[in-house]
N, C-alpha and C. Protein backbone atom coordinates (compact mmCIF):
# COMPACT_ATOMS: atom_id res chain seq x y z
N MET A 1 38.93 -46.66 -65.29
CA MET A 1 39.03 -47.96 -64.64
C MET A 1 37.84 -48.16 -63.71
N TYR A 2 37.26 -49.34 -63.74
CA TYR A 2 36.09 -49.65 -62.92
C TYR A 2 36.53 -50.36 -61.65
N THR A 3 36.04 -49.88 -60.50
CA THR A 3 36.39 -50.50 -59.23
C THR A 3 35.13 -50.91 -58.49
N HIS A 4 35.28 -51.84 -57.57
CA HIS A 4 34.17 -52.30 -56.75
C HIS A 4 33.70 -51.18 -55.83
N MET A 5 32.39 -50.95 -55.80
CA MET A 5 31.82 -49.92 -54.96
C MET A 5 31.57 -50.46 -53.55
N GLU A 6 31.99 -49.73 -52.56
CA GLU A 6 31.72 -50.09 -51.16
C GLU A 6 30.59 -49.20 -50.65
N CYS A 7 29.63 -49.79 -49.97
CA CYS A 7 28.54 -49.00 -49.41
C CYS A 7 28.10 -49.63 -48.08
N ASN A 8 27.30 -48.92 -47.37
CA ASN A 8 26.78 -49.39 -46.08
C ASN A 8 25.28 -49.60 -46.16
N CYS A 9 24.82 -50.09 -47.29
CA CYS A 9 23.38 -50.29 -47.50
C CYS A 9 22.83 -51.37 -46.57
N ARG A 10 21.55 -51.26 -46.36
CA ARG A 10 20.78 -52.29 -45.68
C ARG A 10 19.61 -52.65 -46.59
N CYS A 11 19.06 -53.82 -46.39
CA CYS A 11 17.91 -54.24 -47.19
C CYS A 11 16.75 -53.26 -46.99
N ILE A 12 16.11 -52.87 -48.09
CA ILE A 12 15.00 -51.93 -47.99
C ILE A 12 13.73 -52.61 -47.49
N ASN A 13 13.76 -53.94 -47.41
CA ASN A 13 12.61 -54.69 -46.91
C ASN A 13 12.76 -55.04 -45.43
N CYS A 14 13.84 -55.72 -45.07
CA CYS A 14 13.99 -56.22 -43.69
C CYS A 14 15.10 -55.51 -42.90
N LYS A 15 15.80 -54.57 -43.54
CA LYS A 15 16.86 -53.76 -42.90
C LYS A 15 18.12 -54.55 -42.54
N ASN A 16 18.26 -55.77 -43.02
CA ASN A 16 19.43 -56.58 -42.75
C ASN A 16 20.63 -56.01 -43.52
N PRO A 17 21.81 -55.90 -42.89
CA PRO A 17 22.98 -55.37 -43.58
C PRO A 17 23.73 -56.41 -44.42
N SER A 18 23.33 -57.66 -44.36
CA SER A 18 24.03 -58.73 -45.06
C SER A 18 23.51 -58.84 -46.50
N LEU A 19 24.25 -58.21 -47.43
CA LEU A 19 23.82 -58.14 -48.83
C LEU A 19 24.88 -58.71 -49.76
N ILE A 20 24.43 -59.26 -50.86
CA ILE A 20 25.30 -59.63 -51.96
C ILE A 20 25.21 -58.48 -52.95
N SER A 21 26.35 -57.89 -53.30
CA SER A 21 26.36 -56.73 -54.21
C SER A 21 26.82 -57.15 -55.59
N ASN A 22 26.16 -56.62 -56.59
CA ASN A 22 26.49 -56.89 -57.99
C ASN A 22 26.76 -55.55 -58.67
N ASP A 23 28.03 -55.20 -58.86
CA ASP A 23 28.42 -53.95 -59.51
C ASP A 23 28.57 -54.21 -61.00
N PHE A 24 28.15 -53.24 -61.83
CA PHE A 24 28.26 -53.40 -63.27
C PHE A 24 28.14 -52.03 -63.95
N ILE A 25 28.46 -52.01 -65.23
CA ILE A 25 28.27 -50.82 -66.05
C ILE A 25 26.92 -51.00 -66.75
N ALA A 26 26.00 -50.07 -66.50
CA ALA A 26 24.66 -50.15 -67.06
C ALA A 26 24.68 -49.80 -68.56
N SER A 27 23.57 -50.05 -69.23
CA SER A 27 23.49 -49.79 -70.68
C SER A 27 23.69 -48.32 -71.02
N ASP A 28 23.48 -47.43 -70.05
CA ASP A 28 23.69 -45.99 -70.30
C ASP A 28 25.14 -45.58 -70.08
N GLY A 29 26.01 -46.54 -69.71
CA GLY A 29 27.42 -46.28 -69.54
C GLY A 29 27.84 -45.89 -68.14
N TYR A 30 26.89 -45.73 -67.23
CA TYR A 30 27.20 -45.36 -65.86
C TYR A 30 27.36 -46.59 -64.97
N GLU A 31 28.18 -46.43 -63.90
CA GLU A 31 28.31 -47.51 -62.92
C GLU A 31 27.00 -47.67 -62.18
N ASP A 32 26.63 -48.89 -61.90
CA ASP A 32 25.40 -49.18 -61.17
C ASP A 32 25.65 -50.38 -60.27
N ALA A 33 24.75 -50.61 -59.35
CA ALA A 33 24.87 -51.75 -58.45
C ALA A 33 23.48 -52.22 -58.04
N HIS A 34 23.35 -53.51 -57.96
CA HIS A 34 22.15 -54.13 -57.40
C HIS A 34 22.58 -54.92 -56.18
N HIS A 35 21.67 -55.05 -55.23
CA HIS A 35 21.93 -55.84 -54.03
C HIS A 35 20.88 -56.93 -53.92
N THR A 36 21.28 -58.07 -53.35
CA THR A 36 20.35 -59.12 -52.99
C THR A 36 20.55 -59.40 -51.51
N CYS A 37 19.46 -59.34 -50.75
CA CYS A 37 19.52 -59.56 -49.31
C CYS A 37 19.71 -61.04 -49.01
N LYS A 38 20.68 -61.36 -48.18
CA LYS A 38 20.92 -62.75 -47.79
C LYS A 38 19.85 -63.27 -46.85
N ALA A 39 19.13 -62.38 -46.18
CA ALA A 39 18.11 -62.80 -45.22
C ALA A 39 16.75 -63.06 -45.88
N CYS A 40 16.26 -62.10 -46.66
CA CYS A 40 14.90 -62.24 -47.22
C CYS A 40 14.89 -62.46 -48.72
N GLY A 41 16.05 -62.30 -49.40
CA GLY A 41 16.14 -62.57 -50.82
C GLY A 41 15.72 -61.44 -51.74
N LEU A 42 15.35 -60.28 -51.21
CA LEU A 42 14.94 -59.17 -52.05
C LEU A 42 16.11 -58.70 -52.91
N HIS A 43 15.85 -58.46 -54.19
CA HIS A 43 16.85 -57.97 -55.13
C HIS A 43 16.45 -56.56 -55.51
N PHE A 44 17.35 -55.57 -55.28
CA PHE A 44 16.97 -54.17 -55.52
C PHE A 44 18.14 -53.34 -56.02
N ASN A 45 17.80 -52.22 -56.65
CA ASN A 45 18.77 -51.28 -57.18
C ASN A 45 19.35 -50.44 -56.05
N HIS A 46 20.67 -50.31 -56.03
CA HIS A 46 21.38 -49.56 -55.00
C HIS A 46 20.96 -48.09 -54.95
N LEU A 47 20.78 -47.46 -56.09
CA LEU A 47 20.53 -46.02 -56.13
C LEU A 47 19.09 -45.62 -55.91
N ASP A 48 18.16 -46.27 -56.59
CA ASP A 48 16.77 -45.81 -56.50
C ASP A 48 15.82 -46.77 -55.79
N GLY A 49 16.32 -47.93 -55.37
CA GLY A 49 15.49 -48.86 -54.62
C GLY A 49 14.52 -49.68 -55.46
N GLU A 50 14.61 -49.56 -56.80
CA GLU A 50 13.73 -50.36 -57.65
C GLU A 50 13.94 -51.83 -57.32
N GLN A 51 12.83 -52.58 -57.18
CA GLN A 51 12.91 -53.98 -56.84
C GLN A 51 12.76 -54.84 -58.08
N PHE A 52 13.50 -55.95 -58.10
CA PHE A 52 13.49 -56.85 -59.24
C PHE A 52 13.10 -58.24 -58.79
N LYS A 53 12.39 -58.94 -59.67
CA LYS A 53 12.03 -60.33 -59.38
C LYS A 53 13.16 -61.23 -59.83
N HIS A 54 13.37 -62.31 -59.11
CA HIS A 54 14.46 -63.26 -59.42
C HIS A 54 14.12 -64.04 -60.64
């Protein structure tokens, strides 16, 4: 069963704690999450910090 992941992440760019989290099952079958910062708009991977363009 897949459940929503709770974390205490902050934006890797501006350190703001106000994030939109997107939890999903990745193509490799593992749970993954991306965050989008509500302050600066940066979209990044929860685990490795990879940044994505909108």
